[in-house]
Amino acid sequence: MKRLDPEIIDYYNFEVVNMIVEKYGYSQMDAFRMFVLSKTHEMLENEECGLTSFGAGAIFEMWETERGTGDPKNSVYIRGE
């Protein structure tokens, strides 16, 4: 696995965590922990998955899809619907 540049990961972490906090009311630390420990984040860190072609909003949607279905690959962004 080729890891994504840490600065890019930091950007997505900041943006997605803020979206989680805003929508769900979690603390910054809880939201960060939930995102970083997710399959979505694991895929984001893997440069070969190509998730940086999506904006932070799409990554957030993938994370929400993972919460609901257990798999971020069920996201409309990955399925292509």
PDB file of N, CA and C in Angstrom:
ATOM      1  N   MET A   1       0.846  -1.181   0.000  1.00  0.00           N
ATOM      2  CA  MET A   1       0.000   0.000   0.000  1.00  0.00           C
ATOM      3  C   MET A   1       0.885   1.235   0.000  1.00  0.00           C
ATOM      4  N   LYS A   2       0.596   2.131  -0.896  1.00  0.00           N
ATOM      5  CA  LYS A   2       1.290   3.415  -0.922  1.00  0.00           C
ATOM      6  C   LYS A   2       0.436   4.436  -0.187  1.00  0.00           C
ATOM      7  N   ARG A   3       0.994   4.976   0.916  1.00  0.00           N
ATOM      8  CA  ARG A   3       0.243   5.925   1.745  1.00  0.00           C
ATOM      9  C   ARG A   3       0.194   7.298   1.087  1.00  0.00           C
ATOM     10  N   LEU A   4      -0.938   7.923   1.233  1.00  0.00           N
ATOM     11  CA  LEU A   4      -1.167   9.273   0.735  1.00  0.00           C
ATOM     12  C   LEU A   4      -0.314  10.268   1.517  1.00  0.00           C
ATOM     13  N   ASP A   5       0.048  11.353   0.893  1.00  0.00           N
ATOM     14  CA  ASP A   5       0.818  12.429   1.517  1.00  0.00           C
ATOM     15  C   ASP A   5       0.105  12.890   2.799  1.00  0.00           C
ATOM     16  N   PRO A   6       0.820  12.987   3.917  1.00  0.00           N
ATOM     17  CA  PRO A   6       0.208  13.379   5.194  1.00  0.00           C
ATOM     18  C   PRO A   6      -0.527  14.721   5.149  1.00  0.00           C
ATOM     19  N   GLU A   7      -0.063  15.656   4.348  1.00  0.00           N
ATOM     20  CA  GLU A   7      -0.736  16.952   4.262  1.00  0.00           C
ATOM     21  C   GLU A   7      -2.121  16.817   3.645  1.00  0.00           C
ATOM     22  N   ILE A   8      -2.255  15.920   2.690  1.00  0.00           N
ATOM     23  CA  ILE A   8      -3.555  15.688   2.060  1.00  0.00           C
ATOM     24  C   ILE A   8      -4.485  14.988   3.048  1.00  0.00           C
ATOM     25  N   ILE A   9      -3.953  14.022   3.772  1.00  0.00           N
ATOM     26  CA  ILE A   9      -4.753  13.336   4.799  1.00  0.00           C
ATOM     27  C   ILE A   9      -5.213  14.339   5.847  1.00  0.00           C
ATOM     28  N   ASP A  10      -4.334  15.236   6.260  1.00  0.00           N
ATOM     29  CA  ASP A  10      -4.694  16.250   7.256  1.00  0.00           C
ATOM     30  C   ASP A  10      -5.838  17.131   6.759  1.00  0.00           C
ATOM     31  N   TYR A  11      -5.794  17.503   5.479  1.00  0.00           N
ATOM     32  CA  TYR A  11      -6.861  18.319   4.904  1.00  0.00           C
ATOM     33  C   TYR A  11      -8.206  17.594   5.027  1.00  0.00           C
ATOM     34  N   TYR A  12      -8.256  16.344   4.575  1.00  0.00           N
ATOM     35  CA  TYR A  12      -9.497  15.579   4.647  1.00  0.00           C
ATOM     36  C   TYR A  12      -9.927  15.358   6.094  1.00  0.00           C
ATOM     37  N   ASN A  13      -8.980  15.061   6.970  1.00  0.00           N
ATOM     38  CA  ASN A  13      -9.320  14.888   8.388  1.00  0.00           C
ATOM     39  C   ASN A  13     -10.016  16.131   8.923  1.00  0.00           C
ATOM     40  N   PHE A  14      -9.443  17.289   8.670  1.00  0.00           N
ATOM     41  CA  PHE A  14      -9.996  18.546   9.162  1.00  0.00           C
ATOM     42  C   PHE A  14     -11.405  18.768   8.628  1.00  0.00           C
ATOM     43  N   GLU A  15     -11.561  18.630   7.327  1.00  0.00           N
ATOM     44  CA  GLU A  15     -12.854  18.908   6.695  1.00  0.00           C
ATOM     45  C   GLU A  15     -13.932  17.908   7.124  1.00  0.00           C
ATOM     46  N   VAL A  16     -13.629  16.634   7.050  1.00  0.00           N
ATOM     47  CA  VAL A  16     -14.635  15.610   7.359  1.00  0.00           C
ATOM     48  C   VAL A  16     -14.982  15.622   8.844  1.00  0.00           C
ATOM     49  N   VAL A  17     -14.000  15.768   9.701  1.00  0.00           N
ATOM     50  CA  VAL A  17     -14.278  15.825  11.145  1.00  0.00           C
ATOM     51  C   VAL A  17     -15.195  16.996  11.456  1.00  0.00           C
ATOM     52  N   ASN A  18     -14.955  18.143  10.839  1.00  0.00           N
ATOM     53  CA  ASN A  18     -15.835  19.295  11.074  1.00  0.00           C
ATOM     54  C   ASN A  18     -17.256  19.017  10.600  1.00  0.00           C
ATOM     55  N   MET A  19     -17.399  18.297   9.501  1.00  0.00           N
ATOM     56  CA  MET A  19     -18.740  17.936   9.022  1.00  0.00           C
ATOM     57  C   MET A  19     -19.434  16.995  10.005  1.00  0.00           C
ATOM     58  N   ILE A  20     -18.684  16.058  10.550  1.00  0.00           N
ATOM     59  CA  ILE A  20     -19.243  15.119  11.539  1.00  0.00           C
ATOM     60  C   ILE A  20     -19.690  15.879  12.780  1.00  0.00           C
ATOM     61  N   VAL A  21     -18.850  16.773  13.261  1.00  0.00           N
ATOM     62  CA  VAL A  21     -19.169  17.569  14.452  1.00  0.00           C
ATOM     63  C   VAL A  21     -20.423  18.403  14.194  1.00  0.00           C
ATOM     64  N   GLU A  22     -20.469  19.056  13.045  1.00  0.00           N
ATOM     65  CA  GLU A  22     -21.591  19.933  12.726  1.00  0.00           C
ATOM     66  C   GLU A  22     -22.910  19.157  12.606  1.00  0.00           C
ATOM     67  N   LYS A  23     -22.875  18.027  11.930  1.00  0.00           N
ATOM     68  CA  LYS A  23     -24.114  17.283  11.692  1.00  0.00           C
ATOM     69  C   LYS A  23     -24.566  16.462  12.901  1.00  0.00           C
ATOM     70  N   TYR A  24     -23.613  15.853  13.609  1.00  0.00           N
ATOM     71  CA  TYR A  24     -23.975  14.912  14.669  1.00  0.00           C
ATOM     72  C   TYR A  24     -23.738  15.431  16.089  1.00  0.00           C
ATOM     73  N   GLY A  25     -23.039  16.544  16.220  1.00  0.00           N
ATOM     74  CA  GLY A  25     -22.828  17.134  17.538  1.00  0.00           C
ATOM     75  C   GLY A  25     -21.793  16.445  18.406  1.00  0.00           C
ATOM     76  N   TYR A  26     -20.973  15.578  17.810  1.00  0.00           N
ATOM     77  CA  TYR A  26     -19.901  14.945  18.574  1.00  0.00           C
ATOM     78  C   TYR A  26     -18.810  15.959  18.891  1.00  0.00           C
ATOM     79  N   SER A  27     -18.012  15.672  19.912  1.00  0.00           N
ATOM     80  CA  SER A  27     -16.845  16.506  20.181  1.00  0.00           C
ATOM     81  C   SER A  27     -15.840  16.302  19.047  1.00  0.00           C
ATOM     82  N   GLN A  28     -14.932  17.234  18.902  1.00  0.00           N
ATOM     83  CA  GLN A  28     -13.894  17.125  17.861  1.00  0.00           C
ATOM     84  C   GLN A  28     -13.114  15.817  18.018  1.00  0.00           C
ATOM     85  N   MET A  29     -12.752  15.483  19.250  1.00  0.00           N
ATOM     86  CA  MET A  29     -11.947  14.288  19.492  1.00  0.00           C
ATOM     87  C   MET A  29     -12.721  13.018  19.152  1.00  0.00           C
ATOM     88  N   ASP A  30     -13.984  12.956  19.560  1.00  0.00           N
ATOM     89  CA  ASP A  30     -14.792  11.774  19.242  1.00  0.00           C
ATOM     90  C   ASP A  30     -14.988  11.636  17.737  1.00  0.00           C
ATOM     91  N   ALA A  31     -15.269  12.744  17.069  1.00  0.00           N
ATOM     92  CA  ALA A  31     -15.462  12.723  15.624  1.00  0.00           C
ATOM     93  C   ALA A  31     -14.172  12.307  14.921  1.00  0.00           C
ATOM     94  N   PHE A  32     -13.049  12.832  15.383  1.00  0.00           N
ATOM     95  CA  PHE A  32     -11.756  12.471  14.795  1.00  0.00           C
ATOM     96  C   PHE A  32     -11.496  10.976  14.960  1.00  0.00           C
ATOM     97  N   ARG A  33     -11.730  10.479  16.158  1.00  0.00           N
ATOM     98  CA  ARG A  33     -11.500   9.066  16.438  1.00  0.00           C
ATOM     99  C   ARG A  33     -12.390   8.185  15.552  1.00  0.00           C
ATOM    100  N   MET A  34     -13.655   8.551  15.440  1.00  0.00           N
ATOM    101  CA  MET A  34     -14.583   7.766  14.625  1.00  0.00           C
ATOM    102  C   MET A  34     -14.162   7.754  13.159  1.00  0.00           C
ATOM    103  N   PHE A  35     -13.708   8.892  12.656  1.00  0.00           N
ATOM    104  CA  PHE A  35     -13.308   8.957  11.256  1.00  0.00           C
ATOM    105  C   PHE A  35     -11.999   8.209  11.011  1.00  0.00           C
ATOM    106  N   VAL A  36     -11.013   8.442  11.853  1.00  0.00           N
ATOM    107  CA  VAL A  36      -9.691   7.833  11.646  1.00  0.00           C
ATOM    108  C   VAL A  36      -9.733   6.313  11.775  1.00  0.00           C
ATOM    109  N   LEU A  37     -10.631   5.792  12.585  1.00  0.00           N
ATOM    110  CA  LEU A  37     -10.727   4.350  12.769  1.00  0.00           C
ATOM    111  C   LEU A  37     -11.662   3.672  11.754  1.00  0.00           C
ATOM    112  N   SER A  38     -12.180   4.439  10.810  1.00  0.00           N
ATOM    113  CA  SER A  38     -13.147   3.897   9.857  1.00  0.00           C
ATOM    114  C   SER A  38     -12.467   3.255   8.641  1.00  0.00           C
ATOM    115  N   LYS A  39     -13.229   2.410   7.960  1.00  0.00           N
ATOM    116  CA  LYS A  39     -12.763   1.819   6.701  1.00  0.00           C
ATOM    117  C   LYS A  39     -12.608   2.908   5.650  1.00  0.00           C
ATOM    118  N   THR A  40     -13.464   3.927   5.716  1.00  0.00           N
ATOM    119  CA  THR A  40     -13.374   5.047   4.779  1.00  0.00           C
ATOM    120  C   THR A  40     -12.008   5.709   4.882  1.00  0.00           C
ATOM    121  N   HIS A  41     -11.563   5.942   6.109  1.00  0.00           N
ATOM    122  CA  HIS A  41     -10.261   6.582   6.308  1.00  0.00           C
ATOM    123  C   HIS A  41      -9.133   5.662   5.846  1.00  0.00           C
ATOM    124  N   GLU A  42      -9.282   4.398   6.099  1.00  0.00           N
ATOM    125  CA  GLU A  42      -8.277   3.428   5.648  1.00  0.00           C
ATOM    126  C   GLU A  42      -8.143   3.482   4.123  1.00  0.00           C
ATOM    127  N   MET A  43      -9.274   3.552   3.438  1.00  0.00           N
ATOM    128  CA  MET A  43      -9.245   3.655   1.984  1.00  0.00           C
ATOM    129  C   MET A  43      -8.647   4.990   1.539  1.00  0.00           C
ATOM    130  N   LEU A  44      -8.972   6.063   2.248  1.00  0.00           N
ATOM    131  CA  LEU A  44      -8.445   7.388   1.933  1.00  0.00           C
ATOM    132  C   LEU A  44      -6.931   7.410   2.038  1.00  0.00           C
ATOM    133  N   GLU A  45      -6.382   6.784   3.069  1.00  0.00           N
ATOM    134  CA  GLU A  45      -4.934   6.760   3.266  1.00  0.00           C
ATOM    135  C   GLU A  45      -4.199   5.992   2.172  1.00  0.00           C
ATOM    136  N   ASN A  46      -4.876   5.066   1.523  1.00  0.00           N
ATOM    137  CA  ASN A  46      -4.269   4.246   0.480  1.00  0.00           C
ATOM    138  C   ASN A  46      -4.360   4.993  -0.850  1.00  0.00           C
ATOM    139  N   GLU A  47      -3.252   5.531  -1.285  1.00  0.00           N
ATOM    140  CA  GLU A  47      -3.221   6.329  -2.511  1.00  0.00           C
ATOM    141  C   GLU A  47      -3.770   5.558  -3.710  1.00  0.00           C
ATOM    142  N   GLU A  48      -3.595   4.244  -3.706  1.00  0.00           N
ATOM    143  CA  GLU A  48      -4.032   3.418  -4.825  1.00  0.00           C
ATOM    144  C   GLU A  48      -5.556   3.358  -4.957  1.00  0.00           C
ATOM    145  N   CYS A  49      -6.285   3.687  -3.886  1.00  0.00           N
ATOM    146  CA  CYS A  49      -7.752   3.695  -3.945  1.00  0.00           C
ATOM    147  C   CYS A  49      -8.285   4.910  -4.712  1.00  0.00           C
ATOM    148  N   GLY A  50      -7.497   5.964  -4.794  1.00  0.00           N
ATOM    149  CA  GLY A  50      -7.869   7.133  -5.586  1.00  0.00           C
ATOM    150  C   GLY A  50      -8.987   7.991  -5.026  1.00  0.00           C
ATOM    151  N   LEU A  51      -9.197   7.966  -3.719  1.00  0.00           N
ATOM    152  CA  LEU A  51     -10.297   8.738  -3.157  1.00  0.00           C
ATOM    153  C   LEU A  51     -10.063  10.243  -3.203  1.00  0.00           C
ATOM    154  N   THR A  52      -8.838  10.686  -3.472  1.00  0.00           N
ATOM    155  CA  THR A  52      -8.590  12.122  -3.540  1.00  0.00           C
ATOM    156  C   THR A  52      -9.203  12.748  -4.789  1.00  0.00           C
ATOM    157  N   SER A  53      -9.747  11.929  -5.661  1.00  0.00           N
ATOM    158  CA  SER A  53     -10.472  12.496  -6.805  1.00  0.00           C
ATOM    159  C   SER A  53     -11.844  13.008  -6.361  1.00  0.00           C
ATOM    160  N   PHE A  54     -12.224  12.713  -5.115  1.00  0.00           N
ATOM    161  CA  PHE A  54     -13.482  13.175  -4.529  1.00  0.00           C
ATOM    162  C   PHE A  54     -13.209  14.310  -3.557  1.00  0.00           C
ATOM    163  N   GLY A  55     -14.165  15.194  -3.418  1.00  0.00           N
ATOM    164  CA  GLY A  55     -14.081  16.256  -2.430  1.00  0.00           C
ATOM    165  C   GLY A  55     -14.393  15.731  -1.036  1.00  0.00           C
ATOM    166  N   ALA A  56     -14.191  16.603  -0.055  1.00  0.00           N
ATOM    167  CA  ALA A  56     -14.422  16.227   1.335  1.00  0.00           C
ATOM    168  C   ALA A  56     -15.886  15.834   1.578  1.00  0.00           C
ATOM    169  N   GLY A  57     -16.811  16.474   0.895  1.00  0.00           N
ATOM    170  CA  GLY A  57     -18.225  16.144   1.057  1.00  0.00           C
ATOM    171  C   GLY A  57     -18.528  14.714   0.637  1.00  0.00           C
ATOM    172  N   ALA A  58     -17.891  14.268  -0.427  1.00  0.00           N
ATOM    173  CA  ALA A  58     -18.085  12.886  -0.888  1.00  0.00           C
ATOM    174  C   ALA A  58     -17.470  11.900   0.097  1.00  0.00           C
ATOM    175  N   ILE A  59     -16.317  12.236   0.646  1.00  0.00           N
ATOM    176  CA  ILE A  59     -15.682  11.362   1.640  1.00  0.00           C
ATOM    177  C   ILE A  59     -16.569  11.273   2.879  1.00  0.00           C
ATOM    178  N   PHE A  60     -17.164  12.404   3.265  1.00  0.00           N
ATOM    179  CA  PHE A  60     -18.104  12.405   4.388  1.00  0.00           C
ATOM    180  C   PHE A  60     -19.291  11.490   4.097  1.00  0.00           C
ATOM    181  N   GLU A  61     -19.812  11.548   2.879  1.00  0.00           N
ATOM    182  CA  GLU A  61     -20.938  10.695   2.502  1.00  0.00           C
ATOM    183  C   GLU A  61     -20.533   9.225   2.549  1.00  0.00           C
ATOM    184  N   MET A  62     -19.314   8.911   2.132  1.00  0.00           N
ATOM    185  CA  MET A  62     -18.824   7.532   2.209  1.00  0.00           C
ATOM    186  C   MET A  62     -18.756   7.071   3.665  1.00  0.00           C
ATOM    187  N   TRP A  63     -18.289   7.961   4.534  1.00  0.00           N
ATOM    188  CA  TRP A  63     -18.213   7.639   5.961  1.00  0.00           C
ATOM    189  C   TRP A  63     -19.612   7.392   6.517  1.00  0.00           C
ATOM    190  N   GLU A  64     -20.582   8.241   6.148  1.00  0.00           N
ATOM    191  CA  GLU A  64     -21.963   8.038   6.601  1.00  0.00           C
ATOM    192  C   GLU A  64     -22.528   6.723   6.066  1.00  0.00           C
ATOM    193  N   THR A  65     -22.222   6.405   4.825  1.00  0.00           N
ATOM    194  CA  THR A  65     -22.674   5.142   4.248  1.00  0.00           C
ATOM    195  C   THR A  65     -22.087   3.976   5.019  1.00  0.00           C
ATOM    196  N   GLU A  66     -20.818   4.085   5.358  1.00  0.00           N
ATOM    197  CA  GLU A  66     -20.179   3.032   6.162  1.00  0.00           C
ATOM    198  C   GLU A  66     -20.877   2.878   7.501  1.00  0.00           C
ATOM    199  N   ARG A  67     -21.233   3.978   8.126  1.00  0.00           N
ATOM    200  CA  ARG A  67     -21.948   3.911   9.419  1.00  0.00           C
ATOM    201  C   ARG A  67     -23.257   3.168   9.277  1.00  0.00           C
ATOM    202  N   GLY A  68     -23.943   3.393   8.167  1.00  0.00           N
ATOM    203  CA  GLY A  68     -25.261   2.797   7.988  1.00  0.00           C
ATOM    204  C   GLY A  68     -25.246   1.373   7.464  1.00  0.00           C
ATOM    205  N   THR A  69     -24.262   1.069   6.619  1.00  0.00           N
ATOM    206  CA  THR A  69     -24.249  -0.244   5.965  1.00  0.00           C
ATOM    207  C   THR A  69     -23.078  -1.125   6.367  1.00  0.00           C
ATOM    208  N   GLY A  70     -22.060  -0.502   6.988  1.00  0.00           N
ATOM    209  CA  GLY A  70     -20.876  -1.259   7.368  1.00  0.00           C
ATOM    210  C   GLY A  70     -19.788  -1.262   6.306  1.00  0.00           C
ATOM    211  N   ASP A  71     -20.086  -0.663   5.138  1.00  0.00           N
ATOM    212  CA  ASP A  71     -19.109  -0.691   4.051  1.00  0.00           C
ATOM    213  C   ASP A  71     -19.181   0.604   3.248  1.00  0.00           C
ATOM    214  N   PRO A  72     -18.082   1.383   3.213  1.00  0.00           N
ATOM    215  CA  PRO A  72     -18.103   2.625   2.440  1.00  0.00           C
ATOM    216  C   PRO A  72     -18.252   2.392   0.934  1.00  0.00           C
ATOM    217  N   LYS A  73     -17.995   1.180   0.485  1.00  0.00           N
ATOM    218  CA  LYS A  73     -18.116   0.870  -0.941  1.00  0.00           C
ATOM    219  C   LYS A  73     -19.572   0.862  -1.402  1.00  0.00           C
ATOM    220  N   ASN A  74     -20.511   0.939  -0.462  1.00  0.00           N
ATOM    221  CA  ASN A  74     -21.926   1.050  -0.814  1.00  0.00           C
ATOM    222  C   ASN A  74     -22.312   2.484  -1.169  1.00  0.00           C
ATOM    223  N   SER A  75     -21.384   3.410  -1.050  1.00  0.00           N
ATOM    224  CA  SER A  75     -21.635   4.809  -1.362  1.00  0.00           C
ATOM    225  C   SER A  75     -21.947   4.986  -2.849  1.00  0.00           C
ATOM    226  N   VAL A  76     -22.841   5.926  -3.138  1.00  0.00           N
ATOM    227  CA  VAL A  76     -23.159   6.201  -4.540  1.00  0.00           C
ATOM    228  C   VAL A  76     -21.929   6.699  -5.298  1.00  0.00           C
ATOM    229  N   TYR A  77     -20.981   7.292  -4.608  1.00  0.00           N
ATOM    230  CA  TYR A  77     -19.769   7.786  -5.251  1.00  0.00           C
ATOM    231  C   TYR A  77     -18.885   6.644  -5.738  1.00  0.00           C
ATOM    232  N   ILE A  78     -18.906   5.555  -5.051  1.00  0.00           N
ATOM    233  CA  ILE A  78     -18.092   4.401  -5.456  1.00  0.00           C
ATOM    234  C   ILE A  78     -18.872   3.503  -6.409  1.00  0.00           C
ATOM    235  N   ARG A  79     -20.159   3.332  -6.134  1.00  0.00           N
ATOM    236  CA  ARG A  79     -20.987   2.494  -7.016  1.00  0.00           C
ATOM    237  C   ARG A  79     -21.223   3.158  -8.365  1.00  0.00           C
ATOM    238  N   GLY A  80     -21.148   4.504  -8.382  1.00  0.00           N
ATOM    239  CA  GLY A  80     -21.306   5.224  -9.634  1.00  0.00           C
ATOM    240  C   GLY A  80     -22.737   5.452 -10.067  1.00  0.00           C
ATOM    241  N   GLU A  81     -23.650   5.478  -9.143  1.00  0.00           N
ATOM    242  CA  GLU A  81     -25.066   5.691  -9.490  1.00  0.00           C
ATOM    243  C   GLU A  81     -25.388   7.156  -9.523  1.00  0.00           C
TER     244      GLU A  81
END
